Amino acid sequence: MLRVDDPFAPLAEKIRTKLRETGPASPKSALPVITFAESLSVHFNGEEVKGLHFPDSHTDGDHFVGFTGSGMIHLGDESFMGDKGPRFPFVDASSGGDVQQLAKNIGKIIPGHRIACA
């Protein structure tokens, strides 16, 4: 039931329609088979790959993945590149994101000279 004072009421049916268009949920085989709470280290193609959980930034499931042999790190949604260059990331508070924690987590990154992106 929609409330009269609900600012999203006019969008409710559009949202429901879009959700129905997304299709069924992914099968169990699509779910991750390796998970971690704080950190993870695996070897892949002769290279060590490290995962670090950075909680409560964009969401409560943010993590960085570092490729030690090639010297690259994937920042996930901690770093956003827009069409005009870097921009402040979206903080999804409804999924555990927190602006202050995002700033603390980004402060743990030691930047190099350039941003690598494709």
PDB file of N, CA and C in Angstrom:
ATOM      1  N   MET A   1       0.847  -1.186   0.000  1.00  0.00           N
ATOM      2  CA  MET A   1       0.000   0.000   0.000  1.00  0.00           C
ATOM      3  C   MET A   1       0.884   1.238   0.000  1.00  0.00           C
ATOM      4  N   LEU A   2       0.603   2.167  -0.883  1.00  0.00           N
ATOM      5  CA  LEU A   2       1.386   3.391  -0.994  1.00  0.00           C
ATOM      6  C   LEU A   2       0.805   4.487  -0.114  1.00  0.00           C
ATOM      7  N   ARG A   3       1.692   5.208   0.541  1.00  0.00           N
ATOM      8  CA  ARG A   3       1.262   6.356   1.347  1.00  0.00           C
ATOM      9  C   ARG A   3       1.099   7.563   0.429  1.00  0.00           C
ATOM     10  N   VAL A   4       0.200   8.451   0.794  1.00  0.00           N
ATOM     11  CA  VAL A   4      -0.029   9.663   0.011  1.00  0.00           C
ATOM     12  C   VAL A   4       1.202  10.557   0.022  1.00  0.00           C
ATOM     13  N   ASP A   5       1.942  10.579   1.123  1.00  0.00           N
ATOM     14  CA  ASP A   5       3.110  11.443   1.235  1.00  0.00           C
ATOM     15  C   ASP A   5       4.385  10.778   0.711  1.00  0.00           C
ATOM     16  N   ASP A   6       4.251   9.631   0.068  1.00  0.00           N
ATOM     17  CA  ASP A   6       5.416   8.903  -0.458  1.00  0.00           C
ATOM     18  C   ASP A   6       5.896   9.576  -1.742  1.00  0.00           C
ATOM     19  N   PRO A   7       7.110  10.175  -1.742  1.00  0.00           N
ATOM     20  CA  PRO A   7       7.591  10.877  -2.938  1.00  0.00           C
ATOM     21  C   PRO A   7       7.869   9.938  -4.112  1.00  0.00           C
ATOM     22  N   PHE A   8       7.988   8.636  -3.837  1.00  0.00           N
ATOM     23  CA  PHE A   8       8.269   7.684  -4.906  1.00  0.00           C
ATOM     24  C   PHE A   8       6.997   7.021  -5.447  1.00  0.00           C
ATOM     25  N   ALA A   9       5.850   7.363  -4.898  1.00  0.00           N
ATOM     26  CA  ALA A   9       4.595   6.740  -5.329  1.00  0.00           C
ATOM     27  C   ALA A   9       4.384   6.809  -6.838  1.00  0.00           C
ATOM     28  N   PRO A  10       4.645   7.940  -7.502  1.00  0.00           N
ATOM     29  CA  PRO A  10       4.438   7.983  -8.955  1.00  0.00           C
ATOM     30  C   PRO A  10       5.350   7.027  -9.723  1.00  0.00           C
ATOM     31  N   LEU A  11       6.477   6.646  -9.138  1.00  0.00           N
ATOM     32  CA  LEU A  11       7.423   5.759  -9.810  1.00  0.00           C
ATOM     33  C   LEU A  11       7.202   4.289  -9.481  1.00  0.00           C
ATOM     34  N   ALA A  12       6.354   3.996  -8.525  1.00  0.00           N
ATOM     35  CA  ALA A  12       6.219   2.633  -8.014  1.00  0.00           C
ATOM     36  C   ALA A  12       5.923   1.619  -9.115  1.00  0.00           C
ATOM     37  N   GLU A  13       4.973   1.894  -9.975  1.00  0.00           N
ATOM     38  CA  GLU A  13       4.634   0.916 -11.019  1.00  0.00           C
ATOM     39  C   GLU A  13       5.760   0.782 -12.030  1.00  0.00           C
ATOM     40  N   LYS A  14       6.437   1.871 -12.371  1.00  0.00           N
ATOM     41  CA  LYS A  14       7.588   1.792 -13.277  1.00  0.00           C
ATOM     42  C   LYS A  14       8.691   0.924 -12.676  1.00  0.00           C
ATOM     43  N   ILE A  15       8.930   1.086 -11.387  1.00  0.00           N
ATOM     44  CA  ILE A  15       9.952   0.296 -10.703  1.00  0.00           C
ATOM     45  C   ILE A  15       9.575  -1.177 -10.718  1.00  0.00           C
ATOM     46  N   ARG A  16       8.294  -1.482 -10.398  1.00  0.00           N
ATOM     47  CA  ARG A  16       7.844  -2.872 -10.416  1.00  0.00           C
ATOM     48  C   ARG A  16       8.001  -3.486 -11.798  1.00  0.00           C
ATOM     49  N   THR A  17       7.685  -2.738 -12.828  1.00  0.00           N
ATOM     50  CA  THR A  17       7.813  -3.234 -14.203  1.00  0.00           C
ATOM     51  C   THR A  17       9.269  -3.544 -14.521  1.00  0.00           C
ATOM     52  N   LYS A  18      10.174  -2.631 -14.187  1.00  0.00           N
ATOM     53  CA  LYS A  18      11.602  -2.850 -14.452  1.00  0.00           C
ATOM     54  C   LYS A  18      12.126  -4.065 -13.700  1.00  0.00           C
ATOM     55  N   LEU A  19      11.682  -4.238 -12.457  1.00  0.00           N
ATOM     56  CA  LEU A  19      12.119  -5.397 -11.678  1.00  0.00           C
ATOM     57  C   LEU A  19      11.646  -6.703 -12.326  1.00  0.00           C
ATOM     58  N   ARG A  20      10.445  -6.710 -12.865  1.00  0.00           N
ATOM     59  CA  ARG A  20       9.952  -7.916 -13.551  1.00  0.00           C
ATOM     60  C   ARG A  20      10.743  -8.182 -14.822  1.00  0.00           C
ATOM     61  N   GLU A  21      11.243  -7.134 -15.475  1.00  0.00           N
ATOM     62  CA  GLU A  21      12.006  -7.284 -16.717  1.00  0.00           C
ATOM     63  C   GLU A  21      13.409  -7.833 -16.485  1.00  0.00           C
ATOM     64  N   THR A  22      13.913  -7.775 -15.254  1.00  0.00           N
ATOM     65  CA  THR A  22      15.272  -8.235 -14.998  1.00  0.00           C
ATOM     66  C   THR A  22      15.405  -9.746 -15.116  1.00  0.00           C
ATOM     67  N   GLY A  23      14.305 -10.458 -15.060  1.00  0.00           N
ATOM     68  CA  GLY A  23      14.346 -11.905 -15.211  1.00  0.00           C
ATOM     69  C   GLY A  23      14.527 -12.606 -13.883  1.00  0.00           C
ATOM     70  N   PRO A  24      14.644 -13.920 -13.953  1.00  0.00           N
ATOM     71  CA  PRO A  24      14.757 -14.699 -12.721  1.00  0.00           C
ATOM     72  C   PRO A  24      16.112 -14.506 -12.048  1.00  0.00           C
ATOM     73  N   ALA A  25      16.172 -14.872 -10.792  1.00  0.00           N
ATOM     74  CA  ALA A  25      17.423 -14.792 -10.042  1.00  0.00           C
ATOM     75  C   ALA A  25      18.456 -15.727 -10.653  1.00  0.00           C
ATOM     76  N   SER A  26      19.717 -15.414 -10.446  1.00  0.00           N
ATOM     77  CA  SER A  26      20.794 -16.258 -10.960  1.00  0.00           C
ATOM     78  C   SER A  26      20.727 -17.636 -10.316  1.00  0.00           C
ATOM     79  N   PRO A  27      21.142 -18.660 -11.054  1.00  0.00           N
ATOM     80  CA  PRO A  27      21.155 -20.006 -10.460  1.00  0.00           C
ATOM     81  C   PRO A  27      22.238 -20.118  -9.393  1.00  0.00           C
ATOM     82  N   LYS A  28      22.107 -21.122  -8.544  1.00  0.00           N
ATOM     83  CA  LYS A  28      23.067 -21.328  -7.462  1.00  0.00           C
ATOM     84  C   LYS A  28      24.491 -21.431  -8.000  1.00  0.00           C
ATOM     85  N   SER A  29      24.663 -21.990  -9.188  1.00  0.00           N
ATOM     86  CA  SER A  29      26.000 -22.145  -9.769  1.00  0.00           C
ATOM     87  C   SER A  29      26.661 -20.809 -10.092  1.00  0.00           C
ATOM     88  N   ALA A  30      25.896 -19.722 -10.127  1.00  0.00           N
ATOM     89  CA  ALA A  30      26.459 -18.401 -10.416  1.00  0.00           C
ATOM     90  C   ALA A  30      26.972 -17.706  -9.157  1.00  0.00           C
ATOM     91  N   LEU A  31      26.660 -18.256  -8.001  1.00  0.00           N
ATOM     92  CA  LEU A  31      27.105 -17.641  -6.752  1.00  0.00           C
ATOM     93  C   LEU A  31      28.587 -17.922  -6.529  1.00  0.00           C
ATOM     94  N   PRO A  32      29.287 -17.030  -5.793  1.00  0.00           N
ATOM     95  CA  PRO A  32      30.720 -17.233  -5.563  1.00  0.00           C
ATOM     96  C   PRO A  32      30.975 -18.506  -4.763  1.00  0.00           C
ATOM     97  N   VAL A  33      32.069 -19.163  -5.072  1.00  0.00           N
ATOM     98  CA  VAL A  33      32.450 -20.364  -4.329  1.00  0.00           C
ATOM     99  C   VAL A  33      33.585 -20.061  -3.352  1.00  0.00           C
ATOM    100  N   ILE A  34      34.233 -18.914  -3.504  1.00  0.00           N
ATOM    101  CA  ILE A  34      35.278 -18.478  -2.582  1.00  0.00           C
ATOM    102  C   ILE A  34      34.843 -17.130  -2.016  1.00  0.00           C
ATOM    103  N   THR A  35      34.747 -17.056  -0.718  1.00  0.00           N
ATOM    104  CA  THR A  35      34.406 -15.792  -0.065  1.00  0.00           C
ATOM    105  C   THR A  35      35.416 -15.555   1.056  1.00  0.00           C
ATOM    106  N   PHE A  36      35.469 -14.315   1.554  1.00  0.00           N
ATOM    107  CA  PHE A  36      36.368 -14.006   2.664  1.00  0.00           C
ATOM    108  C   PHE A  36      35.811 -12.846   3.461  1.00  0.00           C
ATOM    109  N   ALA A  37      36.169 -12.816   4.757  1.00  0.00           N
ATOM    110  CA  ALA A  37      35.689 -11.774   5.651  1.00  0.00           C
ATOM    111  C   ALA A  37      36.646 -10.592   5.725  1.00  0.00           C
ATOM    112  N   GLU A  38      37.964 -10.851   5.747  1.00  0.00           N
ATOM    113  CA  GLU A  38      38.935  -9.771   5.879  1.00  0.00           C
ATOM    114  C   GLU A  38      39.944  -9.749   4.738  1.00  0.00           C
ATOM    115  N   SER A  39      40.567 -10.893   4.460  1.00  0.00           N
ATOM    116  CA  SER A  39      41.557 -10.929   3.385  1.00  0.00           C
ATOM    117  C   SER A  39      41.634 -12.326   2.795  1.00  0.00           C
ATOM    118  N   LEU A  40      42.242 -12.391   1.619  1.00  0.00           N
ATOM    119  CA  LEU A  40      42.358 -13.645   0.890  1.00  0.00           C
ATOM    120  C   LEU A  40      43.592 -13.563   0.007  1.00  0.00           C
ATOM    121  N   SER A  41      44.278 -14.668  -0.144  1.00  0.00           N
ATOM    122  CA  SER A  41      45.420 -14.732  -1.043  1.00  0.00           C
ATOM    123  C   SER A  41      45.317 -16.030  -1.834  1.00  0.00           C
ATOM    124  N   VAL A  42      45.306 -15.913  -3.156  1.00  0.00           N
ATOM    125  CA  VAL A  42      45.262 -17.087  -4.032  1.00  0.00           C
ATOM    126  C   VAL A  42      46.328 -16.927  -5.109  1.00  0.00           C
ATOM    127  N   HIS A  43      46.708 -18.016  -5.703  1.00  0.00           N
ATOM    128  CA  HIS A  43      47.676 -17.983  -6.799  1.00  0.00           C
ATOM    129  C   HIS A  43      46.943 -18.354  -8.083  1.00  0.00           C
ATOM    130  N   PHE A  44      47.099 -17.510  -9.098  1.00  0.00           N
ATOM    131  CA  PHE A  44      46.401 -17.691 -10.364  1.00  0.00           C
ATOM    132  C   PHE A  44      47.336 -17.307 -11.500  1.00  0.00           C
ATOM    133  N   ASN A  45      47.528 -18.198 -12.450  1.00  0.00           N
ATOM    134  CA  ASN A  45      48.424 -17.951 -13.583  1.00  0.00           C
ATOM    135  C   ASN A  45      49.822 -17.518 -13.132  1.00  0.00           C
ATOM    136  N   GLY A  46      50.323 -18.147 -12.078  1.00  0.00           N
ATOM    137  CA  GLY A  46      51.667 -17.840 -11.597  1.00  0.00           C
ATOM    138  C   GLY A  46      51.786 -16.522 -10.858  1.00  0.00           C
ATOM    139  N   GLU A  47      50.670 -15.924 -10.506  1.00  0.00           N
ATOM    140  CA  GLU A  47      50.689 -14.620  -9.829  1.00  0.00           C
ATOM    141  C   GLU A  47      49.869 -14.700  -8.546  1.00  0.00           C
ATOM    142  N   GLU A  48      50.353 -14.056  -7.495  1.00  0.00           N
ATOM    143  CA  GLU A  48      49.572 -13.988  -6.264  1.00  0.00           C
ATOM    144  C   GLU A  48      48.528 -12.889  -6.411  1.00  0.00           C
ATOM    145  N   VAL A  49      47.300 -13.230  -6.073  1.00  0.00           N
ATOM    146  CA  VAL A  49      46.192 -12.278  -6.119  1.00  0.00           C
ATOM    147  C   VAL A  49      45.684 -12.137  -4.691  1.00  0.00           C
ATOM    148  N   LYS A  50      45.669 -10.900  -4.201  1.00  0.00           N
ATOM    149  CA  LYS A  50      45.246 -10.644  -2.823  1.00  0.00           C
ATOM    150  C   LYS A  50      43.942  -9.863  -2.810  1.00  0.00           C
ATOM    151  N   GLY A  51      43.051 -10.267  -1.942  1.00  0.00           N
ATOM    152  CA  GLY A  51      41.803  -9.553  -1.733  1.00  0.00           C
ATOM    153  C   GLY A  51      41.770  -8.987  -0.331  1.00  0.00           C
ATOM    154  N   LEU A  52      41.330  -7.745  -0.198  1.00  0.00           N
ATOM    155  CA  LEU A  52      41.197  -7.083   1.101  1.00  0.00           C
ATOM    156  C   LEU A  52      39.793  -6.505   1.224  1.00  0.00           C
ATOM    157  N   HIS A  53      39.127  -6.814   2.314  1.00  0.00           N
ATOM    158  CA  HIS A  53      37.788  -6.277   2.549  1.00  0.00           C
ATOM    159  C   HIS A  53      37.902  -4.885   3.158  1.00  0.00           C
ATOM    160  N   PHE A  54      37.238  -3.919   2.553  1.00  0.00           N
ATOM    161  CA  PHE A  54      37.181  -2.551   3.074  1.00  0.00           C
ATOM    162  C   PHE A  54      35.719  -2.268   3.384  1.00  0.00           C
ATOM    163  N   PRO A  55      35.309  -2.513   4.633  1.00  0.00           N
ATOM    164  CA  PRO A  55      33.887  -2.481   4.973  1.00  0.00           C
ATOM    165  C   PRO A  55      33.256  -1.093   4.924  1.00  0.00           C
ATOM    166  N   ASP A  56      31.973  -1.105   4.613  1.00  0.00           N
ATOM    167  CA  ASP A  56      31.096   0.053   4.778  1.00  0.00           C
ATOM    168  C   ASP A  56      31.523   1.302   4.029  1.00  0.00           C
ATOM    169  N   SER A  57      31.940   1.160   2.797  1.00  0.00           N
ATOM    170  CA  SER A  57      32.299   2.323   1.978  1.00  0.00           C
ATOM    171  C   SER A  57      31.178   2.579   0.992  1.00  0.00           C
ATOM    172  N   HIS A  58      31.294   2.036  -0.222  1.00  0.00           N
ATOM    173  CA  HIS A  58      30.210   2.125  -1.206  1.00  0.00           C
ATOM    174  C   HIS A  58      29.025   1.303  -0.691  1.00  0.00           C
ATOM    175  N   THR A  59      29.318   0.076  -0.254  1.00  0.00           N
ATOM    176  CA  THR A  59      28.347  -0.800   0.409  1.00  0.00           C
ATOM    177  C   THR A  59      29.091  -1.513   1.531  1.00  0.00           C
ATOM    178  N   ASP A  60      28.451  -2.500   2.138  1.00  0.00           N
ATOM    179  CA  ASP A  60      29.132  -3.243   3.202  1.00  0.00           C
ATOM    180  C   ASP A  60      29.961  -4.410   2.669  1.00  0.00           C
ATOM    181  N   GLY A  61      30.029  -4.572   1.358  1.00  0.00           N
ATOM    182  CA  GLY A  61      30.781  -5.685   0.786  1.00  0.00           C
ATOM    183  C   GLY A  61      31.948  -5.262  -0.079  1.00  0.00           C
ATOM    184  N   ASP A  62      32.464  -4.057   0.098  1.00  0.00           N
ATOM    185  CA  ASP A  62      33.553  -3.565  -0.746  1.00  0.00           C
ATOM    186  C   ASP A  62      34.855  -4.287  -0.474  1.00  0.00           C
ATOM    187  N   HIS A  63      35.607  -4.495  -1.530  1.00  0.00           N
ATOM    188  CA  HIS A  63      36.929  -5.091  -1.389  1.00  0.00           C
ATOM    189  C   HIS A  63      37.823  -4.639  -2.537  1.00  0.00           C
ATOM    190  N   PHE A  64      39.119  -4.700  -2.285  1.00  0.00           N
ATOM    191  CA  PHE A  64      40.125  -4.402  -3.298  1.00  0.00           C
ATOM    192  C   PHE A  64      40.763  -5.724  -3.690  1.00  0.00           C
ATOM    193  N   VAL A  65      41.179  -5.824  -4.935  1.00  0.00           N
ATOM    194  CA  VAL A  65      41.886  -7.010  -5.413  1.00  0.00           C
ATOM    195  C   VAL A  65      43.203  -6.540  -6.007  1.00  0.00           C
ATOM    196  N   GLY A  66      44.310  -7.047  -5.446  1.00  0.00           N
ATOM    197  CA  GLY A  66      45.635  -6.664  -5.921  1.00  0.00           C
ATOM    198  C   GLY A  66      46.317  -7.809  -6.635  1.00  0.00           C
ATOM    199  N   PHE A  67      46.928  -7.500  -7.764  1.00  0.00           N
ATOM    200  CA  PHE A  67      47.678  -8.470  -8.556  1.00  0.00           C
ATOM    201  C   PHE A  67      49.151  -8.161  -8.335  1.00  0.00           C
ATOM    202  N   THR A  68      49.806  -8.955  -7.483  1.00  0.00           N
ATOM    203  CA  THR A  68      51.149  -8.615  -7.022  1.00  0.00           C
ATOM    204  C   THR A  68      52.192  -8.667  -8.122  1.00  0.00           C
ATOM    205  N   GLY A  69      52.061  -9.587  -9.054  1.00  0.00           N
ATOM    206  CA  GLY A  69      53.064  -9.699 -10.114  1.00  0.00           C
ATOM    207  C   GLY A  69      53.011  -8.556 -11.105  1.00  0.00           C
ATOM    208  N   SER A  70      51.820  -8.116 -11.450  1.00  0.00           N
ATOM    209  CA  SER A  70      51.683  -7.048 -12.440  1.00  0.00           C
ATOM    210  C   SER A  70      51.582  -5.665 -11.804  1.00  0.00           C
ATOM    211  N   GLY A  71      51.508  -5.620 -10.469  1.00  0.00           N
ATOM    212  CA  GLY A  71      51.473  -4.325  -9.789  1.00  0.00           C
ATOM    213  C   GLY A  71      50.184  -3.554 -10.006  1.00  0.00           C
ATOM    214  N   MET A  72      49.073  -4.253 -10.225  1.00  0.00           N
ATOM    215  CA  MET A  72      47.783  -3.591 -10.446  1.00  0.00           C
ATOM    216  C   MET A  72      46.861  -3.872  -9.274  1.00  0.00           C
ATOM    217  N   ILE A  73      45.946  -2.938  -9.030  1.00  0.00           N
ATOM    218  CA  ILE A  73      44.937  -3.126  -7.999  1.00  0.00           C
ATOM    219  C   ILE A  73      43.589  -2.717  -8.561  1.00  0.00           C
ATOM    220  N   HIS A  74      42.588  -3.525  -8.268  1.00  0.00           N
ATOM    221  CA  HIS A  74      41.217  -3.207  -8.668  1.00  0.00           C
ATOM    222  C   HIS A  74      40.527  -2.643  -7.438  1.00  0.00           C
ATOM    223  N   LEU A  75      40.047  -1.407  -7.546  1.00  0.00           N
ATOM    224  CA  LEU A  75      39.442  -0.725  -6.407  1.00  0.00           C
ATOM    225  C   LEU A  75      37.940  -0.909  -6.330  1.00  0.00           C
ATOM    226  N   GLY A  76      37.372  -1.605  -7.288  1.00  0.00           N
ATOM    227  CA  GLY A  76      35.929  -1.802  -7.264  1.00  0.00           C
ATOM    228  C   GLY A  76      35.198  -0.474  -7.281  1.00  0.00           C
ATOM    229  N   ASP A  77      34.177  -0.372  -6.462  1.00  0.00           N
ATOM    230  CA  ASP A  77      33.365   0.845  -6.438  1.00  0.00           C
ATOM    231  C   ASP A  77      33.901   1.913  -5.486  1.00  0.00           C
ATOM    232  N   GLU A  78      35.138   1.758  -5.026  1.00  0.00           N
ATOM    233  CA  GLU A  78      35.776   2.802  -4.217  1.00  0.00           C
ATOM    234  C   GLU A  78      36.263   3.934  -5.110  1.00  0.00           C
ATOM    235  N   SER A  79      36.403   3.670  -6.383  1.00  0.00           N
ATOM    236  CA  SER A  79      36.932   4.640  -7.331  1.00  0.00           C
ATOM    237  C   SER A  79      36.036   4.654  -8.561  1.00  0.00           C
ATOM    238  N   PHE A  80      35.561   5.811  -8.941  1.00  0.00           N
ATOM    239  CA  PHE A  80      34.681   5.935 -10.103  1.00  0.00           C
ATOM    240  C   PHE A  80      35.346   6.809 -11.159  1.00  0.00           C
ATOM    241  N   MET A  81      35.303   6.376 -12.383  1.00  0.00           N
ATOM    242  CA  MET A  81      35.820   7.165 -13.497  1.00  0.00           C
ATOM    243  C   MET A  81      34.624   7.548 -14.367  1.00  0.00           C
ATOM    244  N   GLY A  82      34.298   8.820 -14.401  1.00  0.00           N
ATOM    245  CA  GLY A  82      33.213   9.297 -15.246  1.00  0.00           C
ATOM    246  C   GLY A  82      33.736   9.679 -16.613  1.00  0.00           C
ATOM    247  N   ASP A  83      32.865  10.148 -17.485  1.00  0.00           N
ATOM    248  CA  ASP A  83      33.281  10.527 -18.836  1.00  0.00           C
ATOM    249  C   ASP A  83      34.172  11.765 -18.843  1.00  0.00           C
ATOM    250  N   LYS A  84      34.211  12.498 -17.725  1.00  0.00           N
ATOM    251  CA  LYS A  84      35.070  13.682 -17.629  1.00  0.00           C
ATOM    252  C   LYS A  84      36.179  13.498 -16.598  1.00  0.00           C
ATOM    253  N   GLY A  85      36.481  12.241 -16.272  1.00  0.00           N
ATOM    254  CA  GLY A  85      37.548  11.957 -15.318  1.00  0.00           C
ATOM    255  C   GLY A  85      37.010  11.405 -14.017  1.00  0.00           C
ATOM    256  N   PRO A  86      37.879  11.343 -12.989  1.00  0.00           N
ATOM    257  CA  PRO A  86      37.467  10.769 -11.704  1.00  0.00           C
ATOM    258  C   PRO A  86      36.315  11.557 -11.094  1.00  0.00           C
ATOM    259  N   ARG A  87      35.457  10.860 -10.393  1.00  0.00           N
ATOM    260  CA  ARG A  87      34.367  11.522  -9.678  1.00  0.00           C
ATOM    261  C   ARG A  87      34.143  10.822  -8.349  1.00  0.00           C
ATOM    262  N   PHE A  88      33.470  11.503  -7.448  1.00  0.00           N
ATOM    263  CA  PHE A  88      33.213  10.941  -6.129  1.00  0.00           C
ATOM    264  C   PHE A  88      32.299   9.736  -6.281  1.00  0.00           C
ATOM    265  N   PRO A  89      32.627   8.619  -5.628  1.00  0.00           N
ATOM    266  CA  PRO A  89      31.810   7.413  -5.760  1.00  0.00           C
ATOM    267  C   PRO A  89      30.448   7.548  -5.104  1.00  0.00           C
ATOM    268  N   PHE A  90      29.504   6.781  -5.591  1.00  0.00           N
ATOM    269  CA  PHE A  90      28.167   6.703  -5.013  1.00  0.00           C
ATOM    270  C   PHE A  90      28.246   5.907  -3.722  1.00  0.00           C
ATOM    271  N   VAL A  91      27.709   6.440  -2.658  1.00  0.00           N
ATOM    272  CA  VAL A  91      27.683   5.746  -1.374  1.00  0.00           C
ATOM    273  C   VAL A  91      26.253   5.263  -1.156  1.00  0.00           C
ATOM    274  N   ASP A  92      26.078   3.949  -1.164  1.00  0.00           N
ATOM    275  CA  ASP A  92      24.761   3.336  -1.033  1.00  0.00           C
ATOM    276  C   ASP A  92      24.475   3.041   0.434  1.00  0.00           C
ATOM    277  N   ALA A  93      23.930   4.028   1.131  1.00  0.00           N
ATOM    278  CA  ALA A  93      23.665   3.896   2.565  1.00  0.00           C
ATOM    279  C   ALA A  93      22.668   2.776   2.849  1.00  0.00           C
ATOM    280  N   SER A  94      21.745   2.514   1.925  1.00  0.00           N
ATOM    281  CA  SER A  94      20.761   1.456   2.153  1.00  0.00           C
ATOM    282  C   SER A  94      21.387   0.064   2.100  1.00  0.00           C
ATOM    283  N   SER A  95      22.620  -0.029   1.588  1.00  0.00           N
ATOM    284  CA  SER A  95      23.329  -1.313   1.535  1.00  0.00           C
ATOM    285  C   SER A  95      24.582  -1.306   2.407  1.00  0.00           C
ATOM    286  N   GLY A  96      24.596  -0.458   3.422  1.00  0.00           N
ATOM    287  CA  GLY A  96      25.697  -0.445   4.379  1.00  0.00           C
ATOM    288  C   GLY A  96      26.799   0.554   4.085  1.00  0.00           C
ATOM    289  N   GLY A  97      26.657   1.372   3.034  1.00  0.00           N
ATOM    290  CA  GLY A  97      27.678   2.360   2.709  1.00  0.00           C
ATOM    291  C   GLY A  97      27.691   3.515   3.697  1.00  0.00           C
ATOM    292  N   ASP A  98      28.855   4.139   3.856  1.00  0.00           N
ATOM    293  CA  ASP A  98      29.013   5.240   4.795  1.00  0.00           C
ATOM    294  C   ASP A  98      30.093   6.188   4.263  1.00  0.00           C
ATOM    295  N   VAL A  99      29.773   7.455   4.086  1.00  0.00           N
ATOM    296  CA  VAL A  99      30.705   8.425   3.508  1.00  0.00           C
ATOM    297  C   VAL A  99      31.971   8.565   4.352  1.00  0.00           C
ATOM    298  N   GLN A 100      31.833   8.639   5.664  1.00  0.00           N
ATOM    299  CA  GLN A 100      33.013   8.794   6.516  1.00  0.00           C
ATOM    300  C   GLN A 100      33.915   7.564   6.444  1.00  0.00           C
ATOM    301  N   GLN A 101      33.319   6.371   6.408  1.00  0.00           N
ATOM    302  CA  GLN A 101      34.132   5.159   6.307  1.00  0.00           C
ATOM    303  C   GLN A 101      34.786   5.074   4.932  1.00  0.00           C
ATOM    304  N   LEU A 102      34.089   5.520   3.887  1.00  0.00           N
ATOM    305  CA  LEU A 102      34.675   5.554   2.550  1.00  0.00           C
ATOM    306  C   LEU A 102      35.934   6.408   2.549  1.00  0.00           C
ATOM    307  N   ALA A 103      35.861   7.586   3.171  1.00  0.00           N
ATOM    308  CA  ALA A 103      37.029   8.473   3.233  1.00  0.00           C
ATOM    309  C   ALA A 103      38.179   7.808   3.981  1.00  0.00           C
ATOM    310  N   LYS A 104      37.887   7.109   5.072  1.00  0.00           N
ATOM    311  CA  LYS A 104      38.937   6.406   5.826  1.00  0.00           C
ATOM    312  C   LYS A 104      39.573   5.307   4.964  1.00  0.00           C
ATOM    313  N   ASN A 105      38.733   4.545   4.260  1.00  0.00           N
ATOM    314  CA  ASN A 105      39.244   3.447   3.437  1.00  0.00           C
ATOM    315  C   ASN A 105      40.095   3.962   2.283  1.00  0.00           C
ATOM    316  N   ILE A 106      39.645   5.018   1.624  1.00  0.00           N
ATOM    317  CA  ILE A 106      40.408   5.581   0.514  1.00  0.00           C
ATOM    318  C   ILE A 106      41.735   6.144   1.026  1.00  0.00           C
ATOM    319  N   GLY A 107      41.746   6.636   2.260  1.00  0.00           N
ATOM    320  CA  GLY A 107      42.974   7.137   2.864  1.00  0.00           C
ATOM    321  C   GLY A 107      44.034   6.062   3.051  1.00  0.00           C
ATOM    322  N   LYS A 108      43.642   4.807   2.968  1.00  0.00           N
ATOM    323  CA  LYS A 108      44.589   3.697   3.108  1.00  0.00           C
ATOM    324  C   LYS A 108      45.247   3.339   1.779  1.00  0.00           C
ATOM    325  N   ILE A 109      44.792   3.958   0.696  1.00  0.00           N
ATOM    326  CA  ILE A 109      45.352   3.694  -0.633  1.00  0.00           C
ATOM    327  C   ILE A 109      46.524   4.634  -0.862  1.00  0.00           C
ATOM    328  N   ILE A 110      47.630   4.108  -1.304  1.00  0.00           N
ATOM    329  CA  ILE A 110      48.781   4.941  -1.648  1.00  0.00           C
ATOM    330  C   ILE A 110      48.768   5.096  -3.163  1.00  0.00           C
ATOM    331  N   PRO A 111      48.383   6.264  -3.661  1.00  0.00           N
ATOM    332  CA  PRO A 111      48.272   6.427  -5.113  1.00  0.00           C
ATOM    333  C   PRO A 111      49.642   6.539  -5.795  1.00  0.00           C
ATOM    334  N   GLY A 112      49.657   6.147  -7.051  1.00  0.00           N
ATOM    335  CA  GLY A 112      50.850   6.315  -7.877  1.00  0.00           C
ATOM    336  C   GLY A 112      50.737   7.608  -8.665  1.00  0.00           C
ATOM    337  N   HIS A 113      51.325   7.643  -9.823  1.00  0.00           N
ATOM    338  CA  HIS A 113      51.328   8.856 -10.629  1.00  0.00           C
ATOM    339  C   HIS A 113      50.111   8.995 -11.523  1.00  0.00           C
ATOM    340  N   ARG A 114      49.507   7.880 -11.899  1.00  0.00           N
ATOM    341  CA  ARG A 114      48.410   7.937 -12.857  1.00  0.00           C
ATOM    342  C   ARG A 114      47.292   6.996 -12.461  1.00  0.00           C
ATOM    343  N   ILE A 115      46.125   7.235 -13.036  1.00  0.00           N
ATOM    344  CA  ILE A 115      44.991   6.344 -12.862  1.00  0.00           C
ATOM    345  C   ILE A 115      44.937   5.426 -14.076  1.00  0.00           C
ATOM    346  N   ALA A 116      44.951   4.133 -13.850  1.00  0.00           N
ATOM    347  CA  ALA A 116      44.858   3.169 -14.954  1.00  0.00           C
ATOM    348  C   ALA A 116      43.405   2.756 -15.107  1.00  0.00           C
ATOM    349  N   CYS A 117      42.860   2.964 -16.275  1.00  0.00           N
ATOM    350  CA  CYS A 117      41.499   2.531 -16.538  1.00  0.00           C
ATOM    351  C   CYS A 117      41.320   2.290 -18.026  1.00  0.00           C
ATOM    352  N   ALA A 118      40.375   1.438 -18.325  1.00  0.00           N
ATOM    353  CA  ALA A 118      40.123   1.107 -19.737  1.00  0.00           C
ATOM    354  C   ALA A 118      38.799   1.677 -20.169  1.00  0.00           C
TER     355      ALA A 118
END
